[in-house]
Protein backbone atom coordinates (compact mmCIF):
# COMPACT_ATOMS: atom_id res chain seq x y z
CA MET A 1 182.14 57.23 -222.84
CA LYS A 2 180.52 59.41 -219.88
CA THR A 3 179.79 63.02 -220.40
CA GLY A 4 180.42 65.57 -217.89
CA ALA A 5 177.14 65.44 -216.29
CA ALA A 6 176.92 61.76 -216.14
CA ARG A 7 180.40 61.89 -214.42
CA VAL A 8 178.96 64.33 -211.92
CA ARG A 9 175.97 62.46 -211.17
CA ALA A 10 178.24 58.91 -210.76
CA GLY A 11 180.19 61.18 -208.42
CA GLN A 12 177.34 62.09 -206.43
CA ALA A 13 175.98 58.80 -206.23
CA SER A 14 179.57 57.27 -204.94
CA ILE A 15 179.54 60.15 -202.31
CA LEU A 16 175.86 59.16 -201.15
CA LEU A 17 176.98 55.75 -201.13
CA VAL A 18 179.88 56.49 -198.83
CA LEU A 19 177.86 58.60 -196.66
CA SER A 20 175.39 55.76 -196.21
CA ILE A 21 177.84 53.52 -195.28
CA ASP A 22 179.55 55.97 -192.89
CA VAL A 23 176.05 56.45 -191.28
CA ARG A 24 175.20 52.99 -191.02
CA ARG A 25 178.59 52.32 -189.22
CA ARG A 26 178.29 55.37 -186.93
CA ILE A 27 174.55 54.52 -186.10
CA LYS A 28 173.72 50.94 -185.66
CA ARG A 29 170.18 51.46 -185.36
CA PRO A 30 169.12 54.27 -187.57
CA PHE A 31 165.24 54.09 -187.27
CA HIS A 32 165.64 54.13 -183.63
CA ALA A 33 167.87 57.31 -184.01
CA MET A 34 165.34 58.72 -186.39
CA ALA A 35 162.47 58.05 -183.62
CA CYS A 36 164.71 59.73 -180.76
CA ALA A 37 165.47 62.74 -183.02
CA ALA A 38 161.68 62.94 -184.06
CA VAL A 39 160.25 62.85 -180.33
CA ALA A 40 162.93 65.53 -179.53
CA ALA A 41 161.71 67.72 -182.26
CA HIS A 42 158.23 66.95 -181.19
CA HIS A 43 159.06 68.41 -177.69
CA ALA A 44 161.39 71.23 -179.11
CA PHE A 45 158.25 72.66 -181.22
CA GLU A 46 156.07 72.59 -178.40
CA LEU A 47 158.26 74.57 -176.05
CA CYS A 48 159.39 76.97 -178.91
CA ALA A 49 155.50 77.47 -179.85
CA GLY A 50 154.64 78.55 -176.20
CA VAL A 51 152.92 75.79 -174.83
CA GLY A 52 155.55 74.36 -172.42
CA LEU A 53 157.36 70.81 -172.07
CA VAL A 54 155.51 67.43 -170.86
CA PHE A 55 155.72 67.20 -167.09
CA GLN A 56 156.39 70.72 -166.68
CA HIS A 57 153.09 71.38 -164.90
CA TYR A 58 154.54 68.79 -162.36
CA ILE A 59 158.32 69.39 -161.73
CA GLY A 60 158.74 72.92 -163.68
CA LEU A 61 160.57 74.19 -166.54
CA ARG A 62 164.24 73.76 -165.82
CA PRO A 63 164.08 70.21 -164.48
CA SER A 64 161.51 69.39 -167.27
CA VAL A 65 164.75 70.52 -169.87
CA ALA A 66 167.19 68.53 -168.09
CA LEU A 67 164.81 65.29 -167.63
CA TRP A 68 164.07 65.35 -171.38
CA SER A 69 167.78 66.15 -172.25
CA GLY A 70 169.06 63.21 -170.55
CA VAL A 71 166.39 60.91 -172.04
CA PHE A 72 167.16 62.11 -175.57
CA GLY A 73 170.95 61.86 -174.82
CA LEU A 74 170.57 58.11 -173.76
CA TRP A 75 168.25 57.30 -176.25
CA TRP A 76 170.51 58.29 -179.03
CA ARG A 77 173.49 57.11 -177.62
CA ALA A 78 171.60 53.65 -177.52
CA ALA A 79 170.69 53.99 -181.04
CA ARG A 80 174.15 54.96 -181.95
CA ARG A 81 175.73 52.16 -180.43
CA GLY A 82 172.71 49.47 -181.34
CA THR A 83 173.98 46.62 -178.58
CA ALA A 84 172.10 43.51 -177.89
CA ARG A 85 172.14 44.81 -174.22
CA SER A 86 170.14 48.07 -175.39
CA GLU A 87 167.67 46.31 -177.24
CA PRO A 88 164.79 46.23 -174.93
CA ALA A 89 165.31 50.08 -174.10
CA LEU A 90 165.14 50.69 -177.72
CA ALA A 91 162.36 48.52 -178.51
CA PHE A 92 160.24 50.61 -175.47
CA GLY A 93 161.45 53.83 -176.98
CA ALA A 94 160.24 52.84 -180.22
CA GLY A 95 156.69 52.30 -178.58
CA VAL A 96 156.86 55.48 -176.68
CA GLY A 97 157.70 57.12 -179.83
CA LEU A 98 154.54 55.98 -181.51
CA GLY A 99 152.05 56.26 -178.81
CA GLN A 100 153.08 59.91 -177.77
CA ALA A 101 152.39 60.76 -181.24
CA LEU A 102 149.17 58.73 -181.56
CA VAL A 103 147.81 59.93 -177.99
CA HIS A 104 147.50 63.58 -179.58
CA TYR A 105 144.92 62.55 -181.98
CA LEU A 106 142.85 60.51 -178.98
CA ALA A 107 143.40 63.76 -176.78
CA TRP A 108 142.45 66.61 -179.18
CA PRO A 109 139.73 67.13 -181.58
CA TRP A 110 140.30 66.45 -185.28
CA VAL A 111 139.63 69.53 -187.62
CA ARG A 112 136.35 67.57 -188.76
CA PRO A 113 135.25 63.85 -188.43
CA GLY A 114 136.95 61.24 -190.45
CA VAL A 115 140.14 63.46 -190.92
CA PRO A 116 143.06 62.68 -188.54
CA LEU A 117 144.37 66.24 -188.68
CA LEU A 118 144.72 68.45 -185.44
CA GLY A 119 143.36 71.84 -185.54
CA GLU A 120 143.62 75.26 -183.54
CA GLY A 121 143.95 74.74 -179.74
CA THR A 122 145.80 71.49 -179.83
CA GLU A 123 148.27 71.87 -176.84
CA GLY A 124 147.22 75.19 -177.23
CA MET A 125 148.80 76.19 -180.44
CA PRO A 126 147.56 78.80 -182.71
CA ARG A 127 146.11 77.43 -186.36
CA ARG A 128 149.47 78.56 -188.05
CA TYR A 129 151.60 75.79 -186.18
CA MET A 130 148.99 72.94 -186.95
CA PRO A 131 150.08 71.90 -190.45
CA ALA A 132 153.95 71.46 -189.34
CA TYR A 133 152.62 70.00 -186.19
CA ASN A 134 150.53 67.41 -188.23
CA ALA A 135 153.35 66.77 -190.33
CA LEU A 136 156.06 66.14 -187.16
CA LEU A 137 153.25 63.99 -185.55
CA TYR A 138 152.92 61.80 -188.60
CA ALA A 139 156.63 61.51 -189.37
CA GLY A 140 157.56 60.68 -185.58
CA MET A 141 154.53 57.64 -186.21
CA ALA A 142 156.23 56.79 -189.35
CA VAL A 143 159.99 56.23 -187.99
CA SER A 144 158.76 54.60 -184.97
CA ILE A 145 156.95 51.95 -186.96
CA ALA A 146 159.86 51.66 -188.98
CA ALA A 147 162.08 51.05 -185.77
CA ILE A 148 159.67 48.64 -184.24
CA VAL A 149 159.23 46.42 -187.94
CA ARG A 150 162.98 46.99 -189.03
CA GLU A 151 165.18 47.06 -185.98
CA VAL A 152 163.38 45.30 -183.07
CA PRO A 153 163.90 41.60 -182.77
CA ARG A 154 160.29 39.54 -182.37
CA ARG A 155 161.35 38.47 -178.76
CA HIS A 156 161.57 42.22 -177.89
CA ARG A 157 158.32 43.59 -179.32
CA ALA A 158 156.33 43.25 -176.08
CA TRP A 159 158.86 45.83 -174.85
CA SER A 160 157.39 47.85 -177.71
CA ALA A 161 153.65 47.30 -177.11
CA LEU A 162 154.41 48.58 -173.30
CA GLY A 163 155.80 51.61 -174.50
CA LEU A 164 153.10 52.26 -176.37
CA LEU A 165 150.50 51.21 -173.63
CA VAL A 166 152.03 53.72 -170.98
CA THR A 167 151.58 56.74 -173.27
CA PHE A 168 147.80 56.23 -173.40
CA PRO A 169 147.41 58.10 -169.86
CA LEU A 170 149.11 61.25 -170.95
CA ALA A 171 146.08 61.89 -173.19
CA ILE A 172 144.04 62.67 -169.94
CA ASP A 173 147.58 64.41 -168.40
CA ALA A 174 147.73 66.74 -171.76
CA ARG A 175 144.51 68.23 -170.59
CA HIS A 176 145.62 68.96 -167.25
CA HIS A 177 148.83 70.45 -168.43
CA ALA A 178 146.53 72.76 -170.95
CA ARG A 179 144.46 73.97 -167.80
CA TRP A 180 147.69 74.59 -165.81
CA MET A 181 149.33 76.29 -168.54
CA ILE A 182 146.13 78.77 -169.01
CA GLN A 183 146.52 79.75 -165.44
CA GLN A 184 150.25 80.33 -165.86
CA ALA A 185 149.56 82.55 -168.87
CA TRP A 186 147.33 84.38 -167.17
CA ARG A 187 149.19 85.02 -163.67
CA ASN A 188 152.66 84.58 -165.33
CA PRO A 189 152.99 85.35 -168.72
CA ALA A 190 156.30 84.06 -170.33
CA TRP A 191 157.97 82.98 -173.66
CA TRP A 192 156.89 79.37 -172.58
CA ASN A 193 153.13 79.77 -172.33
CA ARG A 194 152.43 82.77 -174.72
CA ALA A 195 150.39 80.61 -177.01
CA PHE A 196 147.78 80.08 -174.46
CA MET A 197 147.12 83.73 -174.52
CA GLU A 198 146.20 83.89 -178.04
CA THR A 199 144.27 80.59 -177.93
CA ARG A 200 142.70 80.62 -174.35
CA ALA A 201 139.00 80.75 -175.24
CA ARG A 202 139.42 77.75 -177.80
CA VAL A 203 141.28 75.79 -175.26
CA GLU A 204 139.00 76.59 -172.38
CA GLN A 205 136.18 74.91 -174.54
CA GLU A 206 138.26 71.88 -175.31
CA VAL A 207 139.59 71.06 -171.51
């Protein structure tokens, strides 16, 4: 005969099972959805930390927000629906998700040789943000790899490879972005470039 605690645990397990089935029904490609969420969180983290957005130095803040909002909206919708037609795009997105995190460890110095953790000055961020930032990048790589392994058919994995490759030029562009942000923080101080007022000296050494 079950005790009260056992009934509670059984009830909790049943609820979790129902929720997992419901999530699986609602989101056909959950790992792709998590990859999308991780990349979106990465962009949001950088913007809120005061280091701007990818491509902002080309098109400005508002167009960048509109661009990435549209990209993430379409990506999430494709992951939720999970149709055969969207498989190449999802495969490409998973490659981009992996590459955009990995490229940070190519573009910026590690805290010490042999330890793949980013330190102060990465993207212009102060040291206090780095534990969360490193965790976010590693989580993004993990879910993107899971999406490629679990949800990308073998015939579409070339799209993932292409998505990975197109992110590597961002290693060079990241330094261009940092130099532009330093100039903006000096000439036009604003909430979206405030981190560079704190880390300017360190970033100037790196770029």
